[in-house]
C-alpha atoms as a PDB file:
ATOM      1  CA  UNK A   1    -207.072-187.106 -20.513  1.00  0.00           C
ATOM      2  CA  UNK A   2    -203.686-185.495 -21.016  1.00  0.00           C
ATOM      3  CA  UNK A   3    -204.676-184.062 -24.401  1.00  0.00           C
ATOM      4  CA  UNK A   4    -208.025-182.909 -25.741  1.00  0.00           C
ATOM      5  CA  UNK A   5    -208.842-182.963 -29.445  1.00  0.00           C
ATOM      6  CA  UNK A   6    -211.678-181.711 -31.600  1.00  0.00           C
ATOM      7  CA  UNK A   7    -212.337-181.113 -35.283  1.00  0.00           C
ATOM      8  CA  UNK A   8    -214.815-178.374 -36.186  1.00  0.00           C
ATOM      9  CA  UNK A   9    -215.313-176.627 -39.509  1.00  0.00           C
ATOM     10  CA  UNK A  10    -211.996-177.807 -40.876  1.00  0.00           C
ATOM     11  CA  UNK A  11    -209.983-176.841 -37.771  1.00  0.00           C
ATOM     12  CA  UNK A  12    -208.263-179.516 -35.712  1.00  0.00           C
ATOM     13  CA  UNK A  13    -207.540-178.231 -32.196  1.00  0.00           C
ATOM     14  CA  UNK A  14    -205.147-180.144 -29.943  1.00  0.00           C
ATOM     15  CA  UNK A  15    -205.110-178.883 -26.352  1.00  0.00           C
ATOM     16  CA  UNK A  16    -202.438-179.983 -23.901  1.00  0.00           C
ATOM     17  CA  UNK A  17    -204.433-180.849 -20.791  1.00  0.00           C
ATOM     18  CA  UNK A  18    -202.305-180.946 -17.643  1.00  0.00           C
ATOM     19  CA  UNK A  19    -203.073-177.456 -16.318  1.00  0.00           C
ATOM     20  CA  UNK A  20    -201.906-178.348 -12.800  1.00  0.00           C
ATOM     21  CA  UNK A  21    -198.422-178.964 -14.281  1.00  0.00           C
ATOM     22  CA  UNK A  22    -198.561-176.026 -16.732  1.00  0.00           C
ATOM     23  CA  UNK A  23    -199.102-178.713 -19.398  1.00  0.00           C
ATOM     24  CA  UNK A  24    -195.619-180.171 -19.002  1.00  0.00           C
ATOM     25  CA  UNK A  25    -195.461-183.172 -21.324  1.00  0.00           C
ATOM     26  CA  UNK A  26    -194.814-186.794 -20.372  1.00  0.00           C
ATOM     27  CA  UNK A  27    -193.614-189.569 -22.668  1.00  0.00           C
ATOM     28  CA  UNK A  28    -197.126-191.018 -22.858  1.00  0.00           C
ATOM     29  CA  UNK A  29    -198.505-187.586 -23.696  1.00  0.00           C
ATOM     30  CA  UNK A  30    -195.969-187.138 -26.494  1.00  0.00           C
ATOM     31  CA  UNK A  31    -197.070-190.494 -27.928  1.00  0.00           C
ATOM     32  CA  UNK A  32    -200.670-189.216 -28.041  1.00  0.00           C
ATOM     33  CA  UNK A  33    -199.665-185.914 -29.636  1.00  0.00           C
ATOM     34  CA  UNK A  34    -197.632-187.653 -32.335  1.00  0.00           C
ATOM     35  CA  UNK A  35    -200.453-190.098 -33.098  1.00  0.00           C
ATOM     36  CA  UNK A  36    -202.993-187.269 -33.388  1.00  0.00           C
ATOM     37  CA  UNK A  37    -200.827-185.075 -35.624  1.00  0.00           C
ATOM     38  CA  UNK A  38    -199.916-188.022 -37.820  1.00  0.00           C
ATOM     39  CA  UNK A  39    -203.597-188.720 -38.441  1.00  0.00           C
ATOM     40  CA  UNK A  40    -204.543-185.086 -38.966  1.00  0.00           C
ATOM     41  CA  UNK A  41    -201.735-184.537 -41.470  1.00  0.00           C
ATOM     42  CA  UNK A  42    -203.535-186.834 -43.934  1.00  0.00           C
ATOM     43  CA  UNK A  43    -207.161-186.240 -42.860  1.00  0.00           C
ATOM     44  CA  UNK A  44    -208.997-184.142 -45.492  1.00  0.00           C
ATOM     45  CA  UNK A  45    -211.456-183.021 -42.807  1.00  0.00           C
ATOM     46  CA  UNK A  46    -208.614-181.110 -41.122  1.00  0.00           C
ATOM     47  CA  UNK A  47    -207.519-178.051 -43.078  1.00  0.00           C
ATOM     48  CA  UNK A  48    -205.769-176.161 -40.281  1.00  0.00           C
ATOM     49  CA  UNK A  49    -204.239-177.329 -36.975  1.00  0.00           C
ATOM     50  CA  UNK A  50    -204.180-175.326 -33.733  1.00  0.00           C
ATOM     51  CA  UNK A  51    -202.102-176.285 -30.679  1.00  0.00           C
ATOM     52  CA  UNK A  52    -203.086-174.764 -27.337  1.00  0.00           C
ATOM     53  CA  UNK A  53    -202.685-175.343 -23.611  1.00  0.00           C
ATOM     54  CA  UNK A  54    -205.363-175.713 -20.955  1.00  0.00           C
ATOM     55  CA  UNK A  55    -205.382-173.295 -18.044  1.00  0.00           C
ATOM     56  CA  UNK A  56    -202.874-170.498 -17.565  1.00  0.00           C
ATOM     57  CA  UNK A  57    -199.938-171.867 -19.577  1.00  0.00           C
ATOM     58  CA  UNK A  58    -199.120-173.270 -23.003  1.00  0.00           C
ATOM     59  CA  UNK A  59    -196.471-175.853 -22.082  1.00  0.00           C
ATOM     60  CA  UNK A  60    -193.716-175.745 -19.452  1.00  0.00           C
ATOM     61  CA  UNK A  61    -191.598-178.295 -21.327  1.00  0.00           C
ATOM     62  CA  UNK A  62    -190.908-181.936 -20.514  1.00  0.00           C
ATOM     63  CA  UNK A  63    -192.049-183.105 -17.097  1.00  0.00           C
ATOM     64  CA  UNK A  64    -188.846-183.907 -15.190  1.00  0.00           C
ATOM     65  CA  UNK A  65    -190.657-184.928 -12.006  1.00  0.00           C
ATOM     66  CA  UNK A  66    -190.970-188.556 -13.068  1.00  0.00           C
ATOM     67  CA  UNK A  67    -194.760-188.425 -13.340  1.00  0.00           C
ATOM     68  CA  UNK A  68    -196.048-190.666 -16.091  1.00  0.00           C
ATOM     69  CA  UNK A  69    -192.781-192.554 -16.540  1.00  0.00           C
ATOM     70  CA  UNK A  70    -192.619-196.303 -16.350  1.00  0.00           C
ATOM     71  CA  UNK A  71    -190.448-197.889 -13.676  1.00  0.00           C
ATOM     72  CA  UNK A  72    -187.183-199.346 -15.008  1.00  0.00           C
ATOM     73  CA  UNK A  73    -184.934-201.880 -13.327  1.00  0.00           C
ATOM     74  CA  UNK A  74    -181.846-200.562 -15.133  1.00  0.00           C
ATOM     75  CA  UNK A  75    -180.641-197.215 -16.391  1.00  0.00           C
ATOM     76  CA  UNK A  76    -181.500-196.274 -19.982  1.00  0.00           C
ATOM     77  CA  UNK A  77    -178.522-196.413 -22.356  1.00  0.00           C
ATOM     78  CA  UNK A  78    -177.538-193.278 -24.246  1.00  0.00           C
ATOM     79  CA  UNK A  79    -178.339-194.827 -27.636  1.00  0.00           C
ATOM     80  CA  UNK A  80    -181.761-195.931 -26.387  1.00  0.00           C
ATOM     81  CA  UNK A  81    -182.477-192.462 -25.008  1.00  0.00           C
ATOM     82  CA  UNK A  82    -181.437-190.848 -28.314  1.00  0.00           C
ATOM     83  CA  UNK A  83    -183.645-193.230 -30.302  1.00  0.00           C
ATOM     84  CA  UNK A  84    -186.628-192.433 -28.060  1.00  0.00           C
ATOM     85  CA  UNK A  85    -185.979-188.705 -28.380  1.00  0.00           C
ATOM     86  CA  UNK A  86    -185.941-188.998 -32.165  1.00  0.00           C
ATOM     87  CA  UNK A  87    -189.369-190.639 -32.004  1.00  0.00           C
ATOM     88  CA  UNK A  88    -190.703-187.548 -30.243  1.00  0.00           C
ATOM     89  CA  UNK A  89    -188.885-185.330 -32.750  1.00  0.00           C
ATOM     90  CA  UNK A  90    -191.627-186.435 -35.137  1.00  0.00           C
ATOM     91  CA  UNK A  91    -193.933-183.875 -33.454  1.00  0.00           C
ATOM     92  CA  UNK A  92    -192.082-180.709 -34.564  1.00  0.00           C
ATOM     93  CA  UNK A  93    -191.415-182.362 -37.931  1.00  0.00           C
ATOM     94  CA  UNK A  94    -195.137-182.946 -38.455  1.00  0.00           C
ATOM     95  CA  UNK A  95    -196.038-179.402 -37.412  1.00  0.00           C
ATOM     96  CA  UNK A  96    -193.401-178.028 -39.780  1.00  0.00           C
ATOM     97  CA  UNK A  97    -194.015-180.324 -42.772  1.00  0.00           C
ATOM     98  CA  UNK A  98    -197.682-181.332 -42.734  1.00  0.00           C
ATOM     99  CA  UNK A  99    -199.458-180.009 -45.859  1.00  0.00           C
ATOM    100  CA  UNK A 100    -201.721-177.643 -43.941  1.00  0.00           C
ATOM    101  CA  UNK A 101    -201.176-174.538 -41.803  1.00  0.00           C
ATOM    102  CA  UNK A 102    -200.332-174.965 -38.112  1.00  0.00           C
ATOM    103  CA  UNK A 103    -200.875-172.368 -35.375  1.00  0.00           C
ATOM    104  CA  UNK A 104    -199.606-172.236 -31.790  1.00  0.00           C
ATOM    105  CA  UNK A 105    -202.047-170.402 -29.481  1.00  0.00           C
ATOM    106  CA  UNK A 106    -199.805-169.369 -26.583  1.00  0.00           C
ATOM    107  CA  UNK A 107    -200.909-168.209 -23.163  1.00  0.00           C
ATOM    108  CA  UNK A 108    -198.662-167.850 -20.115  1.00  0.00           C
ATOM    109  CA  UNK A 109    -195.438-169.826 -19.673  1.00  0.00           C
ATOM    110  CA  UNK A 110    -193.894-171.698 -22.597  1.00  0.00           C
ATOM    111  CA  UNK A 111    -190.544-173.401 -22.160  1.00  0.00           C
ATOM    112  CA  UNK A 112    -188.321-176.233 -23.359  1.00  0.00           C
ATOM    113  CA  UNK A 113    -190.194-178.810 -25.423  1.00  0.00           C
ATOM    114  CA  UNK A 114    -193.223-176.519 -25.487  1.00  0.00           C
ATOM    115  CA  UNK A 115    -191.206-173.729 -27.067  1.00  0.00           C
ATOM    116  CA  UNK A 116    -189.786-176.115 -29.680  1.00  0.00           C
ATOM    117  CA  UNK A 117    -193.303-177.278 -30.629  1.00  0.00           C
ATOM    118  CA  UNK A 118    -194.521-173.683 -30.855  1.00  0.00           C
ATOM    119  CA  UNK A 119    -191.508-172.676 -32.965  1.00  0.00           C
ATOM    120  CA  UNK A 120    -192.212-175.557 -35.368  1.00  0.00           C
ATOM    121  CA  UNK A 121    -195.691-174.192 -36.139  1.00  0.00           C
ATOM    122  CA  UNK A 122    -196.222-171.919 -39.127  1.00  0.00           C
ATOM    123  CA  UNK A 123    -197.740-169.130 -37.034  1.00  0.00           C
ATOM    124  CA  UNK A 124    -197.666-168.242 -33.328  1.00  0.00           C
ATOM    125  CA  UNK A 125    -200.217-166.001 -31.593  1.00  0.00           C
ATOM    126  CA  UNK A 126    -199.361-165.155 -27.994  1.00  0.00           C
ATOM    127  CA  UNK A 127    -201.052-163.291 -25.196  1.00  0.00           C
ATOM    128  CA  UNK A 128    -199.245-160.156 -24.041  1.00  0.00           C
ATOM    129  CA  UNK A 129    -198.535-161.839 -20.704  1.00  0.00           C
ATOM    130  CA  UNK A 130    -196.890-164.907 -22.274  1.00  0.00           C
ATOM    131  CA  UNK A 131    -193.419-165.801 -20.980  1.00  0.00           C
ATOM    132  CA  UNK A 132    -190.882-167.577 -23.213  1.00  0.00           C
ATOM    133  CA  UNK A 133    -187.833-169.410 -21.842  1.00  0.00           C
ATOM    134  CA  UNK A 134    -185.845-172.270 -23.338  1.00  0.00           C
ATOM    135  CA  UNK A 135    -184.829-173.582 -19.878  1.00  0.00           C
ATOM    136  CA  UNK A 136    -182.441-176.181 -21.302  1.00  0.00           C
ATOM    137  CA  UNK A 137    -179.359-174.616 -19.700  1.00  0.00           C
ATOM    138  CA  UNK A 138    -181.203-174.376 -16.385  1.00  0.00           C
ATOM    139  CA  UNK A 139    -181.898-178.117 -16.624  1.00  0.00           C
ATOM    140  CA  UNK A 140    -178.316-178.935 -17.640  1.00  0.00           C
ATOM    141  CA  UNK A 141    -179.427-180.082 -21.084  1.00  0.00           C
ATOM    142  CA  UNK A 142    -178.507-178.962 -24.588  1.00  0.00           C
ATOM    143  CA  UNK A 143    -182.020-178.919 -26.055  1.00  0.00           C
ATOM    144  CA  UNK A 144    -184.642-181.023 -27.804  1.00  0.00           C
ATOM    145  CA  UNK A 145    -184.224-182.088 -31.449  1.00  0.00           C
ATOM    146  CA  UNK A 146    -185.343-179.249 -33.716  1.00  0.00           C
ATOM    147  CA  UNK A 147    -184.841-176.475 -31.180  1.00  0.00           C
ATOM    148  CA  UNK A 148    -181.601-175.097 -32.614  1.00  0.00           C
ATOM    149  CA  UNK A 149    -182.973-175.431 -36.179  1.00  0.00           C
ATOM    150  CA  UNK A 150    -186.248-173.582 -35.635  1.00  0.00           C
ATOM    151  CA  UNK A 151    -184.945-170.922 -33.256  1.00  0.00           C
ATOM    152  CA  UNK A 152    -181.987-170.078 -35.507  1.00  0.00           C
ATOM    153  CA  UNK A 153    -184.300-169.627 -38.493  1.00  0.00           C
ATOM    154  CA  UNK A 154    -186.880-167.620 -36.572  1.00  0.00           C
ATOM    155  CA  UNK A 155    -184.530-165.394 -34.579  1.00  0.00           C
ATOM    156  CA  UNK A 156    -181.196-165.468 -36.407  1.00  0.00           C
ATOM    157  CA  UNK A 157    -178.000-167.054 -35.121  1.00  0.00           C
ATOM    158  CA  UNK A 158    -177.066-164.376 -32.575  1.00  0.00           C
ATOM    159  CA  UNK A 159    -180.449-164.227 -30.791  1.00  0.00           C
ATOM    160  CA  UNK A 160    -180.827-168.012 -30.834  1.00  0.00           C
ATOM    161  CA  UNK A 161    -177.415-168.393 -29.149  1.00  0.00           C
ATOM    162  CA  UNK A 162    -178.424-165.794 -26.583  1.00  0.00           C
ATOM    163  CA  UNK A 163    -181.607-167.691 -25.742  1.00  0.00           C
ATOM    164  CA  UNK A 164    -179.840-171.045 -25.501  1.00  0.00           C
ATOM    165  CA  UNK A 165    -176.737-169.956 -23.593  1.00  0.00           C
ATOM    166  CA  UNK A 166    -178.024-167.201 -21.308  1.00  0.00           C
ATOM    167  CA  UNK A 167    -181.458-168.792 -20.800  1.00  0.00           C
ATOM    168  CA  UNK A 168    -183.096-165.458 -20.081  1.00  0.00           C
ATOM    169  CA  UNK A 169    -186.881-165.134 -20.446  1.00  0.00           C
ATOM    170  CA  UNK A 170    -188.690-163.108 -23.091  1.00  0.00           C
ATOM    171  CA  UNK A 171    -192.045-161.481 -22.468  1.00  0.00           C
ATOM    172  CA  UNK A 172    -194.693-161.159 -25.146  1.00  0.00           C
ATOM    173  CA  UNK A 173    -193.454-157.815 -26.448  1.00  0.00           C
ATOM    174  CA  UNK A 174    -189.867-159.064 -26.558  1.00  0.00           C
ATOM    175  CA  UNK A 175    -190.917-162.224 -28.386  1.00  0.00           C
ATOM    176  CA  UNK A 176    -192.771-160.159 -30.978  1.00  0.00           C
ATOM    177  CA  UNK A 177    -189.816-157.808 -31.469  1.00  0.00           C
ATOM    178  CA  UNK A 178    -187.439-160.772 -31.855  1.00  0.00           C
ATOM    179  CA  UNK A 179    -189.673-162.456 -34.439  1.00  0.00           C
ATOM    180  CA  UNK A 180    -190.515-165.410 -32.221  1.00  0.00           C
ATOM    181  CA  UNK A 181    -194.272-164.790 -32.444  1.00  0.00           C
ATOM    182  CA  UNK A 182    -196.423-163.696 -35.366  1.00  0.00           C
ATOM    183  CA  UNK A 183    -198.681-161.378 -33.400  1.00  0.00           C
ATOM    184  CA  UNK A 184    -199.799-160.533 -29.865  1.00  0.00           C
ATOM    185  CA  UNK A 185    -203.325-160.587 -28.491  1.00  0.00           C
ATOM    186  CA  UNK A 186    -204.881-159.226 -25.344  1.00  0.00           C
ATOM    187  CA  UNK A 187    -205.326-162.012 -22.795  1.00  0.00           C
ATOM    188  CA  UNK A 188    -209.115-162.024 -23.047  1.00  0.00           C
ATOM    189  CA  UNK A 189    -209.016-162.016 -26.865  1.00  0.00           C
ATOM    190  CA  UNK A 190    -206.392-164.742 -27.424  1.00  0.00           C
ATOM    191  CA  UNK A 191    -208.771-167.627 -28.167  1.00  0.00           C
ATOM    192  CA  UNK A 192    -211.044-165.545 -30.399  1.00  0.00           C
ATOM    193  CA  UNK A 193    -208.079-164.132 -32.335  1.00  0.00           C
ATOM    194  CA  UNK A 194    -206.666-167.643 -32.834  1.00  0.00           C
ATOM    195  CA  UNK A 195    -210.072-168.941 -33.899  1.00  0.00           C
ATOM    196  CA  UNK A 196    -210.471-166.118 -36.409  1.00  0.00           C
ATOM    197  CA  UNK A 197    -207.072-166.794 -37.970  1.00  0.00           C
ATOM    198  CA  UNK A 198    -207.632-170.566 -38.011  1.00  0.00           C
ATOM    199  CA  UNK A 199    -211.016-170.096 -39.734  1.00  0.00           C
ATOM    200  CA  UNK A 200    -209.414-167.906 -42.384  1.00  0.00           C
ATOM    201  CA  UNK A 201    -206.807-170.574 -43.108  1.00  0.00           C
ATOM    202  CA  UNK A 202    -209.279-173.479 -42.952  1.00  0.00           C
ATOM    203  CA  UNK A 203    -211.426-171.727 -45.568  1.00  0.00           C
ATOM    204  CA  UNK A 204    -208.437-170.991 -47.774  1.00  0.00           C
ATOM    205  CA  UNK A 205    -206.898-172.859 -50.737  1.00  0.00           C
ATOM    206  CA  UNK A 206    -205.526-175.913 -48.943  1.00  0.00           C
ATOM    207  CA  UNK A 207    -203.618-177.312 -51.914  1.00  0.00           C
ATOM    208  CA  UNK A 208    -201.918-173.967 -52.457  1.00  0.00           C
ATOM    209  CA  UNK A 209    -201.033-173.757 -48.758  1.00  0.00           C
ATOM    210  CA  UNK A 210    -199.455-177.223 -48.942  1.00  0.00           C
ATOM    211  CA  UNK A 211    -197.335-176.157 -51.919  1.00  0.00           C
ATOM    212  CA  UNK A 212    -196.389-172.911 -50.162  1.00  0.00           C
ATOM    213  CA  UNK A 213    -195.113-174.866 -47.151  1.00  0.00           C
ATOM    214  CA  UNK A 214    -193.068-177.194 -49.348  1.00  0.00           C
ATOM    215  CA  UNK A 215    -191.588-174.210 -51.194  1.00  0.00           C
ATOM    216  CA  UNK A 216    -190.799-172.292 -48.008  1.00  0.00           C
ATOM    217  CA  UNK A 217    -189.239-175.314 -46.332  1.00  0.00           C
ATOM    218  CA  UNK A 218    -187.118-175.990 -49.412  1.00  0.00           C
ATOM    219  CA  UNK A 219    -186.075-172.332 -49.600  1.00  0.00           C
ATOM    220  CA  UNK A 220    -184.608-172.520 -46.097  1.00  0.00           C
ATOM    221  CA  UNK A 221    -182.002-175.037 -47.237  1.00  0.00           C
ATOM    222  CA  UNK A 222    -181.899-174.925 -51.041  1.00  0.00           C
ATOM    223  CA  UNK A 223    -180.248-172.691 -53.604  1.00  0.00           C
ATOM    224  CA  UNK A 224    -182.114-170.009 -55.532  1.00  0.00           C
ATOM    225  CA  UNK A 225    -182.164-172.154 -58.697  1.00  0.00           C
ATOM    226  CA  UNK A 226    -183.469-175.208 -56.831  1.00  0.00           C
ATOM    227  CA  UNK A 227    -186.150-173.211 -55.047  1.00  0.00           C
ATOM    228  CA  UNK A 228    -187.318-171.464 -58.220  1.00  0.00           C
ATOM    229  CA  UNK A 229    -187.558-174.789 -60.067  1.00  0.00           C
ATOM    230  CA  UNK A 230    -189.665-176.299 -57.283  1.00  0.00           C
ATOM    231  CA  UNK A 231    -191.904-173.223 -57.200  1.00  0.00           C
ATOM    232  CA  UNK A 232    -192.412-173.378 -60.963  1.00  0.00           C
ATOM    233  CA  UNK A 233    -193.443-177.048 -60.882  1.00  0.00           C
ATOM    234  CA  UNK A 234    -195.799-176.543 -57.939  1.00  0.00           C
ATOM    235  CA  UNK A 235    -197.375-173.457 -59.470  1.00  0.00           C
ATOM    236  CA  UNK A 236    -197.916-175.198 -62.801  1.00  0.00           C
ATOM    237  CA  UNK A 237    -199.510-178.223 -61.143  1.00  0.00           C
ATOM    238  CA  UNK A 238    -201.894-176.100 -59.096  1.00  0.00           C
ATOM    239  CA  UNK A 239    -202.762-173.789 -61.985  1.00  0.00           C
ATOM    240  CA  UNK A 240    -203.643-176.739 -64.219  1.00  0.00           C
ATOM    241  CA  UNK A 241    -205.337-179.120 -61.795  1.00  0.00           C
ATOM    242  CA  UNK A 242    -206.555-177.276 -58.691  1.00  0.00           C
ATOM    243  CA  UNK A 243    -210.268-176.615 -58.252  1.00  0.00           C
ATOM    244  CA  UNK A 244    -209.425-173.730 -55.935  1.00  0.00           C
ATOM    245  CA  UNK A 245    -207.234-172.002 -58.523  1.00  0.00           C
ATOM    246  CA  UNK A 246    -210.052-172.178 -61.084  1.00  0.00           C
ATOM    247  CA  UNK A 247    -212.573-171.062 -58.465  1.00  0.00           C
ATOM    248  CA  UNK A 248    -210.439-168.042 -57.533  1.00  0.00           C
ATOM    249  CA  UNK A 249    -210.363-166.951 -61.171  1.00  0.00           C
ATOM    250  CA  UNK A 250    -214.079-167.428 -61.629  1.00  0.00           C
ATOM    251  CA  UNK A 251    -214.858-165.620 -58.371  1.00  0.00           C
ATOM    252  CA  UNK A 252    -212.769-162.670 -59.526  1.00  0.00           C
ATOM    253  CA  UNK A 253    -214.715-162.525 -62.773  1.00  0.00           C
ATOM    254  CA  UNK A 254    -218.024-162.850 -60.898  1.00  0.00           C
ATOM    255  CA  UNK A 255    -216.965-160.246 -58.333  1.00  0.00           C
ATOM    256  CA  UNK A 256    -217.708-162.521 -55.385  1.00  0.00           C
ATOM    257  CA  UNK A 257    -215.644-164.201 -52.615  1.00  0.00           C
ATOM    258  CA  UNK A 258    -214.138-167.535 -53.691  1.00  0.00           C
ATOM    259  CA  UNK A 259    -215.465-170.779 -52.220  1.00  0.00           C
ATOM    260  CA  UNK A 260    -212.373-172.913 -51.684  1.00  0.00           C
ATOM    261  CA  UNK A 261    -212.897-176.657 -51.319  1.00  0.00           C
ATOM    262  CA  UNK A 262    -209.328-177.542 -50.422  1.00  0.00           C
ATOM    263  CA  UNK A 263    -208.141-179.313 -53.565  1.00  0.00           C
END
């Protein structure tokens, strides 16, 4: 199977499973990823999503070797290719917008489409030996949908242009310094560190996290007035109707940890 999935204790883990190809994605694989994320985005059993790669790499981008592609008797038209690419753009959109936290657990090489998917996640934990490279210029391409959006917002305009145009790699320390990753982990501790963070989020106030993501996404494009109005509405709704908000208050009074149920 080209992807592996499991749901345990509120954590949905999607593992790219082509280790012999550094988990380079095929069209069929992207269909599976999109279908899985679409289902998990509305599944109450999933309260946090983790993306990882099997073997020694996270994802080396789109597989350009032709493996996994259907044979065609005629060349694909540009409009058809763009429409297909927009279908796969649903993956970073889901990671960015789904009403639950998303984490990229990054080991080894990450490039192209893999880097765009990682950048679309809310948090990125990388091993110190991870290697980041956009690789679009090297492939004579301008980049996957979402790449310029997420990289510009994570790195700033100047660094994003540098990564796109010069196509120079970043190591783990450089990625952390640039703001591309949330934190670094020792190679042997990567999975346990990701699991610890995912458990913390899965046991957190899911409804509040969903509102936080909506507010943060709106803040990236909206005005101060618009963002404050959205925050006020979301905060009022959660304060009045959320079990977890009431539970947090009661737990504070009882001097005990809150038991969040996710609504």
